[in-house]
Amino acid sequence: MSTQDFRSERIGFLQQSEIRAMTRECNRLGGINLGQGVCPLPSPPELLEAAAQAVREDLSTYSRFDGVDELRHAVAKKLKRYNKIEVDPETELVTTIGSAGAFICALQGLFNPGDEIIVFEPFYGYHVNAIRVAGCVPKVITMKAPDWSFDPEDLERLRTDRTRAVLVNTPGNPSGKVFSRDELGVIADFCKTHDLLGITDEIYEYLVYDGQEHVSLATLPGMFERTITMSGFSKTFAITGWRLGYVAAPAHLAGPMGLVNDLFYICAPTPLQHGLARALEVIGDDYFDEIRKKYKANRDLFCDALVEAGLTPHVPEGSYYILTDVTRFGLNDARASAMHILEKAGVASVAGSAFFASDGGRNLVRFCVAQPREVVEQAAERIQVFK
């Protein structure tokens, strides 16, 4: 057997994600998994039937590299109605393998090794790791709890001659932060002043609470021409395994991303594309209102339970994650705290350090409440062991 290390240099830093590691530990100990956002909830029946019908019709060949016509046009209608973004579905939309696939296409199609991308901490680890594997450099701005605000001067402080873009995840994973219109305005002005791209991951766009408004960066004056808007349907329709997302951008940006999408992925699963396109024509706003209410109820239930147990949740404005301060355990180690919770209460979380480049996450863990109500209730009861 060869002793040569075949692992490529570009992934030399990669390890199994903390999220998947905690899922493995949870399974080993028979706990309730509030760690990984697998979203094991019922998908809309209209969507399941539409996809099944597309399979029965044997719509099984390759689609266009940027997706079937019906889906691109349906997404364009959705973007105009909900996001207030107008795109040409023929040249400014690419159907991707989830929003994660959209990000890979952006990195490979628009950036060069050594380019710097500004990200906000706490961040989604996939974003930072994907940036690094692409040979680019993440430059991190630390947001401050409890509202996860940032100092606009940090943008200028981090900028160098190699800075090419600013990445915004709103609503955010893991913080649940919803960037305000004013905050996005600061970012937009910064991008326009220095001729930078804006990249937004808006996968949780429908999950905003307490009167918060979801604003797409591309809608701000002068930003459509320089913004890459990534999103998808995994979270809102509970189809995380279908891997259907999209990227919307002006043609001069969408074109290179489409080339990479064709090279790396050929196309997204064709029958699922057809099913989603048909479902988008019949699923109304009442569906999104209902899931928003359900996730907010789960958020409120579990946040109340955490407070009752003597822990301090940072109540999210959006998404379905809850960063929680566990300083009272006195461990000063996020992974040790997550294991303590799992072993004593039987509830899995994720170490907050997985979402920070600094030591800001050492006393934080992240819970995910994208679970059926009865599962969240059971986890809320178990967490009371810390009272």
Protein backbone atom coordinates (compact mmCIF):
# COMPACT_ATOMS: atom_id res chain seq x y z
CA MET A 1 0.00 0.00 0.00
CA SER A 2 1.36 3.39 -0.97
CA THR A 3 2.50 5.68 1.84
CA GLN A 4 2.31 8.76 -0.36
CA ASP A 5 0.00 11.50 0.84
CA PHE A 6 -2.37 12.06 -2.06
CA ARG A 7 -4.31 14.83 -0.32
CA SER A 8 -4.10 18.00 -2.38
CA GLU A 9 -2.48 21.10 -0.91
CA ARG A 10 -5.56 23.18 -1.52
CA ILE A 11 -7.61 21.07 0.93
CA GLY A 12 -4.78 20.46 3.38
CA PHE A 13 -6.52 22.58 6.04
CA LEU A 14 -9.92 20.89 5.67
CA GLN A 15 -11.37 18.72 8.41
CA GLN A 16 -14.79 17.17 8.85
CA SER A 17 -17.17 19.96 9.78
CA GLU A 18 -18.07 20.42 13.43
CA ILE A 19 -21.71 20.13 12.40
CA ARG A 20 -21.31 16.64 10.97
CA ALA A 21 -19.04 15.59 13.82
CA MET A 22 -21.69 16.52 16.39
CA THR A 23 -24.35 14.67 14.40
CA ARG A 24 -22.19 11.57 14.64
CA GLU A 25 -21.81 12.05 18.41
CA CYS A 26 -25.54 12.64 18.76
CA ASN A 27 -26.31 9.40 16.95
CA ARG A 28 -23.82 7.53 19.11
CA LEU A 29 -25.42 8.80 22.32
CA GLY A 30 -29.03 8.66 21.13
CA GLY A 31 -29.63 12.39 21.58
CA ILE A 32 -31.99 14.88 19.97
CA ASN A 33 -30.17 16.52 17.08
CA LEU A 34 -30.54 20.30 17.22
CA GLY A 35 -27.12 20.60 15.68
CA GLN A 36 -27.38 20.00 11.93
CA GLY A 37 -29.95 21.90 9.88
CA VAL A 38 -31.24 18.90 7.97
CA CYS A 39 -34.80 20.27 8.14
CA PRO A 40 -36.70 16.94 8.51
CA LEU A 41 -40.12 18.48 7.99
CA PRO A 42 -42.88 17.65 5.50
CA SER A 43 -42.39 19.11 2.04
CA PRO A 44 -45.40 20.71 0.30
CA PRO A 45 -47.60 17.97 -1.21
CA GLU A 46 -47.97 20.02 -4.40
CA LEU A 47 -44.20 19.96 -4.82
CA LEU A 48 -43.84 16.24 -4.17
CA GLU A 49 -46.62 15.39 -6.61
CA ALA A 50 -45.24 17.71 -9.28
CA ALA A 51 -41.79 16.11 -9.01
CA ALA A 52 -43.29 12.62 -9.06
CA GLN A 53 -45.28 13.51 -12.17
CA ALA A 54 -42.12 14.80 -13.86
CA VAL A 55 -40.44 11.48 -13.10
CA ARG A 56 -43.46 9.57 -14.49
CA GLU A 57 -43.24 11.69 -17.63
CA ASP A 58 -39.62 10.54 -17.91
CA LEU A 59 -38.19 14.04 -18.03
CA SER A 60 -34.83 12.48 -17.38
CA THR A 61 -32.36 13.90 -19.87
CA TYR A 62 -29.94 16.78 -19.40
CA SER A 63 -31.46 20.22 -19.15
CA ARG A 64 -29.77 23.37 -20.33
CA PHE A 65 -26.71 24.10 -18.21
CA ASP A 66 -28.57 27.02 -16.61
CA GLY A 67 -31.78 25.11 -15.96
CA VAL A 68 -35.08 24.31 -17.66
CA ASP A 69 -36.96 27.23 -19.15
CA GLU A 70 -39.99 26.82 -16.87
CA LEU A 71 -37.92 27.01 -13.68
CA ARG A 72 -35.82 29.98 -14.74
CA HIS A 73 -38.97 31.90 -15.64
CA ALA A 74 -40.69 30.88 -12.38
CA VAL A 75 -37.68 32.03 -10.36
CA ALA A 76 -37.58 35.31 -12.28
CA LYS A 77 -41.22 35.91 -11.35
CA LYS A 78 -40.47 35.10 -7.70
CA LEU A 79 -37.48 37.47 -7.66
CA LYS A 80 -39.57 40.31 -9.07
CA ARG A 81 -42.47 39.73 -6.69
CA TYR A 82 -40.63 39.03 -3.43
CA ASN A 83 -37.12 40.43 -3.79
CA LYS A 84 -37.96 43.34 -6.09
CA ILE A 85 -35.17 42.23 -8.43
CA GLU A 86 -35.88 42.14 -12.17
CA VAL A 87 -33.79 39.70 -14.19
CA ASP A 88 -33.79 38.30 -17.70
CA PRO A 89 -34.31 34.55 -17.25
CA GLU A 90 -32.44 33.90 -20.49
CA THR A 91 -29.17 35.57 -19.51
CA GLU A 92 -29.23 36.51 -15.82
CA LEU A 93 -30.24 33.32 -14.02
CA VAL A 94 -28.43 30.01 -13.51
CA THR A 95 -30.03 27.03 -11.79
CA THR A 96 -27.39 25.47 -9.54
CA ILE A 97 -26.75 22.51 -7.26
CA GLY A 98 -28.14 24.33 -4.24
CA SER A 99 -26.99 27.77 -3.14
CA ALA A 100 -23.69 26.08 -2.21
CA GLY A 101 -23.20 25.18 -5.87
CA ALA A 102 -23.96 28.78 -6.77
CA PHE A 103 -21.13 29.95 -4.52
CA ILE A 104 -18.67 27.50 -6.05
CA CYS A 105 -19.60 28.80 -9.51
CA ALA A 106 -19.07 32.38 -8.34
CA LEU A 107 -15.68 31.63 -6.82
CA GLN A 108 -14.40 29.64 -9.78
CA GLY A 109 -15.91 31.88 -12.44
CA LEU A 110 -15.16 35.35 -11.10
CA PHE A 111 -12.19 35.24 -8.74
CA ASN A 112 -8.48 34.47 -8.95
CA PRO A 113 -6.13 32.94 -6.36
CA GLY A 114 -5.07 35.60 -3.88
CA ASP A 115 -8.23 37.67 -4.28
CA GLU A 116 -9.70 38.77 -0.95
CA ILE A 117 -13.36 38.51 0.03
CA ILE A 118 -14.66 40.28 3.13
CA VAL A 119 -16.96 38.15 5.31
CA PHE A 120 -18.82 38.88 8.53
CA GLU A 121 -18.20 36.84 11.69
CA PRO A 122 -19.94 34.71 12.95
CA PHE A 123 -19.93 33.16 9.49
CA TYR A 124 -21.17 30.01 7.83
CA GLY A 125 -18.09 27.81 7.79
CA TYR A 126 -18.82 26.48 4.31
CA HIS A 127 -18.41 29.99 2.89
CA VAL A 128 -14.98 30.52 4.41
CA ASN A 129 -13.72 27.04 3.55
CA ALA A 130 -14.94 27.32 -0.04
CA ILE A 131 -13.17 30.68 -0.36
CA ARG A 132 -9.93 29.12 0.88
CA VAL A 133 -10.16 26.03 -1.35
CA ALA A 134 -10.60 28.38 -4.32
CA GLY A 135 -7.26 29.95 -3.39
CA CYS A 136 -8.89 33.18 -2.27
CA VAL A 137 -8.46 34.86 1.11
CA PRO A 138 -11.32 35.52 3.57
CA LYS A 139 -10.94 38.79 5.47
CA VAL A 140 -13.11 38.75 8.58
CA ILE A 141 -15.13 41.52 10.21
CA THR A 142 -16.33 40.59 13.70
CA MET A 143 -19.92 41.53 14.48
CA LYS A 144 -20.82 42.32 18.07
CA ALA A 145 -23.52 40.55 20.07
CA PRO A 146 -26.33 40.78 20.97
CA ASP A 147 -27.52 42.53 17.79
CA TRP A 148 -24.51 41.46 15.70
CA SER A 149 -23.72 45.00 14.63
CA PHE A 150 -20.54 45.92 12.79
CA ASP A 151 -18.34 48.98 12.61
CA PRO A 152 -18.42 50.43 9.07
CA GLU A 153 -14.84 51.58 9.55
CA ASP A 154 -13.80 47.92 9.64
CA LEU A 155 -14.62 47.68 5.94
CA GLU A 156 -12.02 50.31 5.10
CA ARG A 157 -9.56 48.87 7.61
CA LEU A 158 -9.65 45.44 5.92
CA ARG A 159 -9.57 46.63 2.32
CA THR A 160 -6.38 46.12 0.34
CA ASP A 161 -5.47 46.21 -3.34
CA ARG A 162 -6.50 42.53 -3.53
CA THR A 163 -10.02 43.04 -2.12
CA ARG A 164 -12.60 41.99 -4.71
CA ALA A 165 -15.92 41.44 -2.93
CA VAL A 166 -18.02 41.57 0.22
CA LEU A 167 -20.08 38.50 1.18
CA VAL A 168 -23.32 38.98 3.11
CA ASN A 169 -25.46 36.15 4.50
CA THR A 170 -28.89 37.53 5.40
CA PRO A 171 -30.75 36.20 7.28
CA GLY A 172 -27.60 34.71 8.73
CA ASN A 173 -26.38 31.30 9.74
CA PRO A 174 -25.54 30.94 12.63
CA SER A 175 -26.52 34.31 14.09
CA GLY A 176 -29.99 34.78 12.61
CA LYS A 177 -29.00 38.37 11.87
CA VAL A 178 -31.10 40.22 9.32
CA PHE A 179 -29.04 43.01 7.78
CA SER A 180 -31.01 46.24 7.83
CA ARG A 181 -31.49 48.46 4.81
CA ASP A 182 -29.13 51.01 6.38
CA GLU A 183 -26.43 48.40 6.99
CA LEU A 184 -26.73 47.15 3.43
CA GLY A 185 -26.52 50.77 2.30
CA VAL A 186 -23.15 51.09 4.02
CA ILE A 187 -21.94 47.93 2.29
CA ALA A 188 -23.34 49.11 -1.06
CA ASP A 189 -21.57 52.47 -0.82
CA PHE A 190 -18.33 50.70 0.07
CA CYS A 191 -18.65 48.39 -2.94
CA LYS A 192 -19.42 51.20 -5.34
CA THR A 193 -16.64 53.43 -4.01
CA HIS A 194 -14.01 50.73 -4.49
CA ASP A 195 -15.52 48.92 -7.51
CA LEU A 196 -16.15 45.69 -5.61
CA LEU A 197 -18.68 42.90 -6.06
CA GLY A 198 -21.41 42.16 -3.56
CA ILE A 199 -22.27 38.50 -2.92
CA THR A 200 -25.39 37.62 -0.98
CA ASP A 201 -26.54 34.26 0.36
CA GLU A 202 -30.28 34.69 0.92
CA ILE A 203 -31.30 31.06 1.44
CA TYR A 204 -33.32 31.95 4.58
CA GLU A 205 -34.99 34.95 2.94
CA TYR A 206 -38.55 33.96 3.89
CA LEU A 207 -37.69 33.30 7.55
CA VAL A 208 -37.74 36.77 9.13
CA TYR A 209 -39.52 37.60 12.38
CA ASP A 210 -40.71 40.40 14.64
CA GLY A 211 -41.38 42.86 11.84
CA GLN A 212 -37.94 42.50 10.26
CA GLU A 213 -37.70 43.18 6.52
CA HIS A 214 -35.67 41.06 4.15
CA VAL A 215 -33.81 43.37 1.77
CA SER A 216 -31.79 42.12 -1.18
CA LEU A 217 -28.53 44.00 -1.71
CA ALA A 218 -29.10 43.99 -5.48
CA THR A 219 -32.11 46.30 -5.08
CA LEU A 220 -30.07 49.18 -3.69
CA PRO A 221 -29.16 51.99 -6.14
CA GLY A 222 -26.28 51.04 -8.41
CA MET A 223 -25.91 47.54 -6.97
CA PHE A 224 -27.62 45.17 -9.41
CA GLU A 225 -24.77 45.53 -11.88
CA ARG A 226 -22.27 44.34 -9.28
CA THR A 227 -24.25 41.91 -7.10
CA ILE A 228 -24.42 38.11 -7.13
CA THR A 229 -27.65 36.98 -5.45
CA MET A 230 -27.63 33.34 -4.33
CA SER A 231 -30.60 31.46 -2.93
CA GLY A 232 -32.59 28.27 -3.31
CA PHE A 233 -35.47 26.20 -2.00
CA SER A 234 -33.86 23.70 0.37
CA LYS A 235 -34.95 25.47 3.53
CA THR A 236 -38.37 26.89 2.69
CA PHE A 237 -39.64 23.68 1.08
CA ALA A 238 -37.71 21.25 3.34
CA ILE A 239 -35.94 19.67 0.35
CA THR A 240 -32.34 19.93 1.53
CA GLY A 241 -31.46 16.72 -0.33
CA TRP A 242 -32.81 17.86 -3.70
CA ARG A 243 -29.95 20.34 -4.18
CA LEU A 244 -31.79 23.00 -6.15
CA GLY A 245 -30.63 26.58 -5.97
CA TYR A 246 -29.94 29.50 -8.24
CA VAL A 247 -27.79 32.53 -8.77
CA ALA A 248 -29.12 35.78 -10.18
CA ALA A 249 -26.73 38.37 -11.58
CA PRO A 250 -26.26 40.67 -14.57
CA ALA A 251 -25.24 38.83 -17.72
CA HIS A 252 -21.56 39.78 -17.51
CA LEU A 253 -21.39 37.97 -14.14
CA ALA A 254 -23.93 35.20 -14.77
CA GLY A 255 -22.16 34.14 -17.97
CA PRO A 256 -18.87 33.03 -16.35
CA MET A 257 -20.76 31.35 -13.52
CA GLY A 258 -22.85 29.45 -16.05
CA LEU A 259 -19.68 28.19 -17.74
CA VAL A 260 -18.45 26.76 -14.44
CA ASN A 261 -21.86 25.29 -13.65
CA ASP A 262 -21.79 23.48 -17.00
CA LEU A 263 -18.23 22.24 -16.45
CA PHE A 264 -18.61 21.07 -12.85
CA TYR A 265 -22.23 19.96 -12.67
CA ILE A 266 -23.65 19.78 -16.23
CA CYS A 267 -27.08 20.64 -14.83
CA ALA A 268 -29.27 20.32 -11.76
CA PRO A 269 -31.52 17.19 -11.59
CA THR A 270 -33.91 17.67 -14.50
CA PRO A 271 -37.13 16.07 -13.16
CA LEU A 272 -36.76 17.92 -9.87
CA GLN A 273 -36.35 21.18 -11.77
CA HIS A 274 -39.61 20.53 -13.62
CA GLY A 275 -41.38 19.59 -10.40
CA LEU A 276 -40.20 22.73 -8.63
CA ALA A 277 -41.19 24.95 -11.57
CA ARG A 278 -44.73 23.55 -11.56
CA ALA A 279 -45.04 23.83 -7.79
CA LEU A 280 -43.92 27.47 -7.76
CA GLU A 281 -46.91 28.28 -9.97
CA VAL A 282 -49.41 26.99 -7.40
CA ILE A 283 -47.81 27.49 -3.97
CA GLY A 284 -48.99 30.84 -2.65
CA ASP A 285 -47.81 33.33 -0.05
CA ASP A 286 -49.93 31.62 2.59
CA TYR A 287 -47.46 28.73 2.58
CA PHE A 288 -44.53 31.03 3.37
CA ASP A 289 -46.56 32.82 6.05
CA GLU A 290 -47.33 29.49 7.69
CA ILE A 291 -43.76 28.21 7.80
CA ARG A 292 -42.61 31.57 9.15
CA LYS A 293 -45.12 31.24 11.99
CA LYS A 294 -44.05 27.67 12.74
CA TYR A 295 -40.36 28.48 12.89
CA LYS A 296 -40.99 31.57 15.01
CA ALA A 297 -43.03 29.45 17.44
CA ASN A 298 -40.16 26.95 17.64
CA ARG A 299 -37.70 29.79 18.18
CA ASP A 300 -39.77 31.31 20.97
CA LEU A 301 -40.35 27.97 22.68
CA PHE A 302 -36.70 27.00 22.75
CA CYS A 303 -35.39 30.46 23.62
CA ASP A 304 -37.76 30.56 26.59
CA ALA A 305 -36.56 27.11 27.62
CA LEU A 306 -32.92 28.20 27.43
CA VAL A 307 -33.60 31.24 29.62
CA GLU A 308 -35.48 29.07 32.12
CA ALA A 309 -32.48 26.74 32.20
CA GLY A 310 -30.14 29.63 33.02
CA LEU A 311 -28.59 30.00 29.58
CA THR A 312 -28.55 33.11 27.41
CA PRO A 313 -29.85 32.84 23.85
CA HIS A 314 -29.14 35.53 21.29
CA VAL A 315 -32.69 35.62 19.93
CA PRO A 316 -32.43 35.47 16.14
CA GLU A 317 -34.18 37.95 13.86
CA GLY A 318 -34.38 35.35 11.10
CA SER A 319 -33.41 31.81 9.99
CA TYR A 320 -33.85 28.94 12.45
CA TYR A 321 -30.61 28.94 14.41
CA ILE A 322 -30.05 30.13 17.96
CA LEU A 323 -26.57 31.09 19.15
CA THR A 324 -26.52 30.65 22.90
CA ASP A 325 -24.06 31.91 25.52
CA VAL A 326 -22.90 29.05 27.75
CA THR A 327 -20.36 30.98 29.81
CA ARG A 328 -22.02 29.75 33.01
CA PHE A 329 -20.59 26.27 32.40
CA GLY A 330 -17.15 27.74 33.00
CA LEU A 331 -15.53 25.56 30.33
CA ASN A 332 -14.33 28.37 28.06
CA ASP A 333 -14.32 25.82 25.22
CA ALA A 334 -17.24 25.65 22.80
CA ARG A 335 -16.81 22.03 21.80
CA ALA A 336 -16.49 20.93 25.43
CA SER A 337 -19.67 22.89 26.21
CA ALA A 338 -21.54 21.27 23.30
CA MET A 339 -20.45 17.81 24.47
CA HIS A 340 -21.47 18.70 28.04
CA ILE A 341 -24.96 19.59 26.84
CA LEU A 342 -25.21 16.43 24.76
CA GLU A 343 -23.99 14.12 27.50
CA LYS A 344 -26.02 15.66 30.31
CA ALA A 345 -29.21 16.74 28.53
CA GLY A 346 -29.18 14.52 25.45
CA VAL A 347 -29.48 17.50 23.08
CA ALA A 348 -26.94 18.09 20.32
CA SER A 349 -25.74 21.57 19.40
CA VAL A 350 -22.72 22.83 17.46
CA ALA A 351 -19.68 24.51 18.96
CA GLY A 352 -19.80 28.24 18.33
CA SER A 353 -16.10 28.21 17.52
CA ALA A 354 -17.01 26.58 14.20
CA PHE A 355 -18.37 29.95 13.06
CA PHE A 356 -15.51 32.21 14.18
CA ALA A 357 -11.94 32.85 13.07
CA SER A 358 -11.36 34.73 16.34
CA ASP A 359 -11.97 33.33 19.82
CA GLY A 360 -15.38 35.00 19.91
CA GLY A 361 -17.22 31.67 19.74
CA ARG A 362 -15.51 29.90 22.61
CA ASN A 363 -18.50 30.35 24.94
CA LEU A 364 -21.24 29.92 22.33
CA VAL A 365 -23.13 26.94 20.94
CA ARG A 366 -25.64 26.89 18.08
CA PHE A 367 -29.00 25.15 18.23
CA CYS A 368 -31.17 24.51 15.15
CA VAL A 369 -34.95 24.45 15.66
CA ALA A 370 -35.85 23.30 12.14
CA GLN A 371 -37.54 20.26 13.63
CA PRO A 372 -41.12 19.12 14.18
CA ARG A 373 -42.77 20.90 17.10
CA GLU A 374 -42.80 17.78 19.28
CA VAL A 375 -39.04 17.34 18.86
CA VAL A 376 -38.36 20.93 19.91
CA GLU A 377 -40.69 20.48 22.89
CA GLN A 378 -38.82 17.37 23.97
CA ALA A 379 -35.47 19.15 23.62
CA ALA A 380 -36.82 22.10 25.63
CA GLU A 381 -37.78 19.72 28.43
CA ARG A 382 -34.40 18.02 28.41
CA ILE A 383 -32.49 21.29 28.57
CA GLN A 384 -34.12 22.02 31.93
CA VAL A 385 -31.58 19.68 33.53
CA PHE A 386 -29.37 22.76 33.76
CA LYS A 387 -31.81 24.75 35.94
